[in-house]
Structures are given as structure tokens and as C-alpha cells.
């Protein structure tokens, strides 16, 4: 990063925008995969962090 000509890290720009564009809209289907693979316990946290992906409002900060 010391040699980078920009003073803003592109990764943090993407994170501030809510994550990579290609991944948006797929979280509800991904939760089905979590259930099928025995990781359903993580779904409630994903819903809490990303309510807009599930058709709800935005998280409280």
C-alpha cells in the first residue's frame, strides 16, 4: 500500500458501500444453503446485520 498512488483503499470503499455488488440479493438463498449444511445457527445474525436483504428496514446503529 505504500506504493499505491491513491490514498483510499478500494476494499474499504466496497465495504462502506455494503459489500460487493455481485453478492447483493443472494443472502436469502444462501441461508437455505446454511440450513442444508448444518450451519443454520448463523442465520439469525445475518438477518440482524442485513435486514434489507430480507425485505426489512435498515439495522439500528
N, C-alpha and C. Protein backbone atom coordinates (compact mmCIF):
# COMPACT_ATOMS: atom_id res chain seq x y z
N UNK A 1 0.82 -1.20 0.00
CA UNK A 1 0.00 0.00 0.00
C UNK A 1 0.86 1.26 0.00
N UNK A 2 2.08 1.13 0.44
CA UNK A 2 2.94 2.31 0.45
C UNK A 2 3.21 2.84 -0.94
N UNK A 3 3.20 1.96 -1.93
CA UNK A 3 3.49 2.39 -3.30
C UNK A 3 2.23 2.73 -4.09
N UNK A 4 1.06 2.54 -3.50
CA UNK A 4 -0.19 2.81 -4.18
C UNK A 4 -0.36 4.32 -4.39
N UNK A 5 -0.74 4.73 -5.60
CA UNK A 5 -0.87 6.17 -5.87
C UNK A 5 -2.13 6.80 -5.28
N UNK A 6 -3.00 6.01 -4.67
CA UNK A 6 -4.26 6.53 -4.13
C UNK A 6 -4.21 6.53 -2.61
N UNK A 7 -4.94 7.43 -1.98
CA UNK A 7 -4.95 7.48 -0.52
C UNK A 7 -6.16 6.77 0.08
N UNK A 8 -6.97 6.13 -0.76
CA UNK A 8 -8.16 5.41 -0.29
C UNK A 8 -8.02 3.94 -0.69
N UNK A 9 -8.22 3.05 0.25
CA UNK A 9 -8.15 1.62 -0.01
C UNK A 9 -9.45 1.18 -0.67
N UNK A 10 -9.41 0.60 -1.87
CA UNK A 10 -10.63 0.18 -2.57
C UNK A 10 -11.46 -0.84 -1.79
N UNK A 11 -10.81 -1.69 -1.01
CA UNK A 11 -11.54 -2.68 -0.22
C UNK A 11 -12.48 -1.99 0.76
N UNK A 12 -11.98 -0.94 1.44
CA UNK A 12 -12.83 -0.25 2.40
C UNK A 12 -13.94 0.52 1.72
N UNK A 13 -13.72 0.97 0.52
CA UNK A 13 -14.79 1.62 -0.25
C UNK A 13 -15.92 0.63 -0.50
N UNK A 14 -15.58 -0.56 -0.92
CA UNK A 14 -16.59 -1.60 -1.17
C UNK A 14 -17.32 -1.96 0.12
N UNK A 15 -16.58 -2.09 1.21
CA UNK A 15 -17.21 -2.44 2.49
C UNK A 15 -18.18 -1.36 2.95
N UNK A 16 -17.80 -0.10 2.79
CA UNK A 16 -18.68 1.00 3.18
C UNK A 16 -19.93 1.07 2.31
N UNK A 17 -19.83 0.56 1.09
CA UNK A 17 -20.98 0.53 0.19
C UNK A 17 -21.89 -0.66 0.47
N UNK A 18 -21.54 -1.50 1.41
CA UNK A 18 -22.38 -2.63 1.78
C UNK A 18 -21.91 -3.96 1.24
N UNK A 19 -20.71 -4.02 0.73
CA UNK A 19 -20.17 -5.28 0.22
C UNK A 19 -20.17 -5.30 -1.29
N UNK A 20 -19.66 -6.38 -1.86
CA UNK A 20 -19.54 -6.46 -3.31
C UNK A 20 -20.91 -6.50 -3.99
N UNK A 21 -21.02 -5.78 -5.07
CA UNK A 21 -22.29 -5.66 -5.79
C UNK A 21 -22.80 -7.02 -6.25
N UNK A 22 -21.92 -7.88 -6.73
CA UNK A 22 -22.36 -9.18 -7.26
C UNK A 22 -22.95 -10.09 -6.19
N UNK A 23 -22.72 -9.79 -4.93
CA UNK A 23 -23.24 -10.63 -3.86
C UNK A 23 -24.59 -10.15 -3.34
N UNK A 24 -25.01 -8.97 -3.71
CA UNK A 24 -26.26 -8.41 -3.19
C UNK A 24 -27.47 -9.15 -3.76
N UNK A 25 -28.42 -9.42 -2.88
CA UNK A 25 -29.65 -10.08 -3.30
C UNK A 25 -29.62 -11.60 -3.19
N UNK A 26 -28.51 -12.18 -2.79
CA UNK A 26 -28.39 -13.63 -2.73
C UNK A 26 -28.43 -14.18 -1.31
N UNK A 27 -28.52 -13.32 -0.32
CA UNK A 27 -28.44 -13.78 1.07
C UNK A 27 -29.60 -14.70 1.45
N UNK A 28 -30.85 -14.42 1.07
CA UNK A 28 -31.92 -15.35 1.43
C UNK A 28 -31.68 -16.78 0.89
N UNK A 29 -31.21 -16.88 -0.33
CA UNK A 29 -30.92 -18.21 -0.88
C UNK A 29 -29.73 -18.85 -0.16
N UNK A 30 -28.75 -18.05 0.21
CA UNK A 30 -27.59 -18.56 0.93
C UNK A 30 -28.00 -19.14 2.29
N UNK A 31 -29.02 -18.55 2.92
CA UNK A 31 -29.47 -19.08 4.21
C UNK A 31 -30.02 -20.49 4.05
N UNK A 32 -30.61 -20.77 2.91
CA UNK A 32 -31.08 -22.14 2.66
C UNK A 32 -29.89 -23.11 2.64
N UNK A 33 -28.80 -22.67 2.04
CA UNK A 33 -27.59 -23.50 1.99
C UNK A 33 -27.02 -23.70 3.40
N UNK A 34 -27.07 -22.65 4.20
CA UNK A 34 -26.60 -22.79 5.57
C UNK A 34 -27.41 -23.84 6.33
N UNK A 35 -28.72 -23.81 6.14
CA UNK A 35 -29.59 -24.81 6.80
C UNK A 35 -29.22 -26.22 6.35
N UNK A 36 -29.07 -26.39 5.05
CA UNK A 36 -28.78 -27.72 4.49
C UNK A 36 -27.43 -28.26 4.93
N UNK A 37 -26.51 -27.39 5.26
CA UNK A 37 -25.16 -27.82 5.63
C UNK A 37 -24.92 -27.76 7.13
N UNK A 38 -25.99 -27.65 7.91
CA UNK A 38 -25.86 -27.69 9.36
C UNK A 38 -25.33 -26.43 10.01
N UNK A 39 -25.45 -25.30 9.31
CA UNK A 39 -24.95 -24.04 9.86
C UNK A 39 -26.07 -23.02 10.03
N UNK A 40 -27.28 -23.50 10.23
CA UNK A 40 -28.43 -22.62 10.36
C UNK A 40 -28.37 -21.69 11.55
N UNK A 41 -27.53 -22.00 12.52
CA UNK A 41 -27.42 -21.14 13.71
C UNK A 41 -26.94 -19.73 13.35
N UNK A 42 -26.30 -19.55 12.20
CA UNK A 42 -25.76 -18.25 11.79
C UNK A 42 -26.81 -17.36 11.13
N UNK A 43 -27.95 -17.90 10.78
CA UNK A 43 -28.94 -17.16 10.02
C UNK A 43 -29.50 -15.97 10.79
N UNK A 44 -29.78 -16.13 12.06
CA UNK A 44 -30.36 -15.01 12.82
C UNK A 44 -29.41 -13.81 12.84
N UNK A 45 -28.11 -14.06 12.93
CA UNK A 45 -27.14 -12.97 12.93
C UNK A 45 -27.08 -12.30 11.56
N UNK A 46 -27.16 -13.07 10.49
CA UNK A 46 -27.17 -12.49 9.15
C UNK A 46 -28.41 -11.62 8.95
N UNK A 47 -29.53 -12.07 9.45
CA UNK A 47 -30.77 -11.28 9.35
C UNK A 47 -30.66 -9.99 10.17
N UNK A 48 -30.01 -10.07 11.30
CA UNK A 48 -29.84 -8.88 12.12
C UNK A 48 -28.92 -7.86 11.44
N UNK A 49 -27.85 -8.36 10.84
CA UNK A 49 -26.88 -7.46 10.21
C UNK A 49 -27.33 -6.93 8.85
N UNK A 50 -28.18 -7.69 8.15
CA UNK A 50 -28.55 -7.32 6.78
C UNK A 50 -30.07 -7.39 6.58
N UNK A 51 -30.84 -6.63 7.36
CA UNK A 51 -32.30 -6.73 7.26
C UNK A 51 -32.85 -6.36 5.88
N UNK A 52 -32.20 -5.43 5.19
CA UNK A 52 -32.69 -5.02 3.87
C UNK A 52 -32.65 -6.18 2.87
N UNK A 53 -31.74 -7.11 3.06
CA UNK A 53 -31.65 -8.28 2.18
C UNK A 53 -32.86 -9.20 2.36
N UNK A 54 -33.53 -9.07 3.49
CA UNK A 54 -34.68 -9.91 3.77
C UNK A 54 -35.99 -9.13 3.71
N UNK A 55 -35.94 -7.96 3.07
CA UNK A 55 -37.15 -7.16 2.89
C UNK A 55 -37.57 -6.36 4.10
N UNK A 56 -36.65 -6.11 5.03
CA UNK A 56 -36.95 -5.32 6.21
C UNK A 56 -36.22 -4.00 6.14
N UNK A 57 -36.33 -3.21 7.18
CA UNK A 57 -35.66 -1.91 7.24
C UNK A 57 -34.16 -2.05 7.40
N UNK A 58 -33.54 -1.01 7.78
CA UNK A 58 -32.08 -0.98 7.95
C UNK A 58 -31.71 -1.22 9.40
N UNK A 59 -30.52 -1.75 9.67
CA UNK A 59 -30.13 -2.03 11.06
C UNK A 59 -29.99 -0.77 11.89
N UNK A 60 -30.25 -0.91 13.16
CA UNK A 60 -30.07 0.22 14.09
C UNK A 60 -28.60 0.31 14.44
N UNK A 61 -28.06 1.50 14.39
CA UNK A 61 -26.64 1.69 14.70
C UNK A 61 -26.45 2.16 16.12
